Each structure stands twice: as structure tokens, then as C-alpha cells.
Amino acid sequence: MNKEEFRRICAQYCEGGDFALNPDAAFLEDVLDGVMQKQAETGLRYCPCRLTTGDFEKDIDLLCPCFFRAQEKWKTKGECWCSLFVKK
């Protein structure tokens, strides 16, 4: 999957939710580039801001998009770990 396909999937994921893609275009590009770099390195789209262990069972929670609503950062700041998604 390339970056534009992933961006479309993320935008669709936001539809009907109380969150959106980060409106800072430059920041959004950096995060998407980071996810694509992780994909090139590992074969999976991991959060670019978190360290993987190489153990899929341990790293599964780091796949992007993650289950960000359970994270403390979402509850306190209204954004996912890497700020790809922000509350509307």
C-alpha cells in the first residue's frame, strides 16, 4: 500500500467518527511518511512514534491505526499517540 492509499483509508476511517486527520498538512505528511517507512522496514504499518520489539504478539497494539481511544493521550489531549488522528 502506498501513502495516498493509506491516507484515503485513514480518511474513510474518520467518517462518522468524532475524530479527523490532523489538520496540520506538513505534520500529517511527516506522520504518513513515518508509517510508510515502518511498512518498508517491517512489512506492517506500525505507528511511527513507537518502538517495535520485533515480536508480532507484543507489537500488534502498535499497528496504525491503533486503538487510540483507550490511550491516556486521547483522553487528555484528544489525539492519538502520534497525532495522526485528533478529536473534531
Protein backbone atom coordinates (compact mmCIF):
# COMPACT_ATOMS: atom_id res chain seq x y z
CA MET A 1 0.00 0.00 0.00
CA ASN A 2 1.31 3.45 -0.81
CA LYS A 3 0.96 6.65 1.18
CA GLU A 4 -2.01 8.01 -0.78
CA GLU A 5 -3.94 4.76 -0.40
CA PHE A 6 -3.23 4.77 3.32
CA ARG A 7 -4.32 8.42 3.58
CA ARG A 8 -7.63 7.52 1.88
CA ILE A 9 -8.17 4.60 4.23
CA CYS A 10 -7.48 6.81 7.25
CA ALA A 11 -9.86 9.49 5.93
CA GLN A 12 -12.57 6.85 5.46
CA TYR A 13 -11.86 5.56 8.96
CA CYS A 14 -12.66 9.06 10.26
CA GLU A 15 -16.04 9.25 8.52
CA GLY A 16 -18.86 9.33 11.03
CA GLY A 17 -16.50 9.46 13.98
CA ASP A 18 -15.68 12.17 16.47
CA PHE A 19 -12.13 12.41 15.12
CA ALA A 20 -10.38 13.59 11.96
CA LEU A 21 -6.96 13.51 10.37
CA ASN A 22 -4.61 16.07 11.83
CA PRO A 23 -5.34 19.38 10.03
CA ASP A 24 -1.66 20.41 10.05
CA ALA A 25 -0.76 19.34 6.49
CA ALA A 26 3.02 19.29 7.00
CA PHE A 27 2.72 17.32 10.23
CA LEU A 28 0.28 14.88 8.62
CA GLU A 29 2.73 14.26 5.76
CA ASP A 30 5.52 13.54 8.26
CA VAL A 31 3.39 11.02 10.15
CA LEU A 32 2.22 9.30 6.96
CA ASP A 33 5.83 9.15 5.74
CA GLY A 34 6.79 7.58 9.06
CA VAL A 35 4.10 4.92 8.75
CA MET A 36 5.27 4.16 5.21
CA GLN A 37 8.86 3.90 6.43
CA LYS A 38 7.80 1.39 9.10
CA GLN A 39 5.95 -0.55 6.41
CA ALA A 40 9.06 -0.63 4.22
CA GLU A 41 11.19 -1.80 7.15
CA THR A 42 8.84 -4.34 8.72
CA GLY A 43 6.16 -5.10 6.16
CA LEU A 44 3.49 -3.70 8.53
CA ARG A 45 2.15 -0.20 9.11
CA TYR A 46 3.24 0.48 12.66
CA CYS A 47 2.90 3.79 14.45
CA PRO A 48 6.00 5.78 13.52
CA CYS A 49 6.31 7.21 17.03
CA ARG A 50 6.55 3.96 18.95
CA LEU A 51 9.32 1.38 19.14
CA THR A 52 8.56 -2.14 18.00
CA THR A 53 10.15 -5.21 19.54
CA GLY A 54 10.05 -7.49 16.50
CA ASP A 55 7.62 -9.79 18.31
CA PHE A 56 4.29 -9.53 16.48
CA GLU A 57 2.28 -10.55 19.56
CA LYS A 58 3.81 -7.69 21.55
CA ASP A 59 3.72 -5.20 18.68
CA ILE A 60 0.17 -5.81 17.44
CA ASP A 61 -1.13 -2.88 19.50
CA LEU A 62 1.24 -0.58 17.59
CA LEU A 63 -0.35 -1.19 14.19
CA CYS A 64 -1.70 2.01 12.66
CA PRO A 65 -4.42 2.95 13.13
CA CYS A 66 -4.15 1.78 16.70
CA PHE A 67 -6.92 1.54 19.27
CA PHE A 68 -6.29 5.12 20.28
CA ARG A 69 -9.49 5.72 22.22
CA ALA A 70 -8.09 3.58 25.04
CA GLN A 71 -4.93 5.67 25.31
CA GLU A 72 -4.43 8.27 28.01
CA LYS A 73 -3.25 10.80 25.41
CA TRP A 74 -6.62 10.55 23.65
CA LYS A 75 -8.47 11.09 26.90
CA THR A 76 -6.37 14.07 28.00
CA LYS A 77 -5.26 15.75 24.76
CA GLY A 78 -7.76 14.50 22.19
CA GLU A 79 -5.24 12.94 19.85
CA CYS A 80 -3.80 9.52 19.19
CA TRP A 81 -0.25 8.59 20.14
CA CYS A 82 1.36 10.08 17.01
CA SER A 83 -1.34 12.75 16.49
CA LEU A 84 -2.42 11.32 13.13
CA PHE A 85 -5.98 11.46 14.47
CA VAL A 86 -7.36 14.34 16.51
CA LYS A 87 -10.76 14.97 18.06
CA LYS A 88 -13.06 17.11 15.95
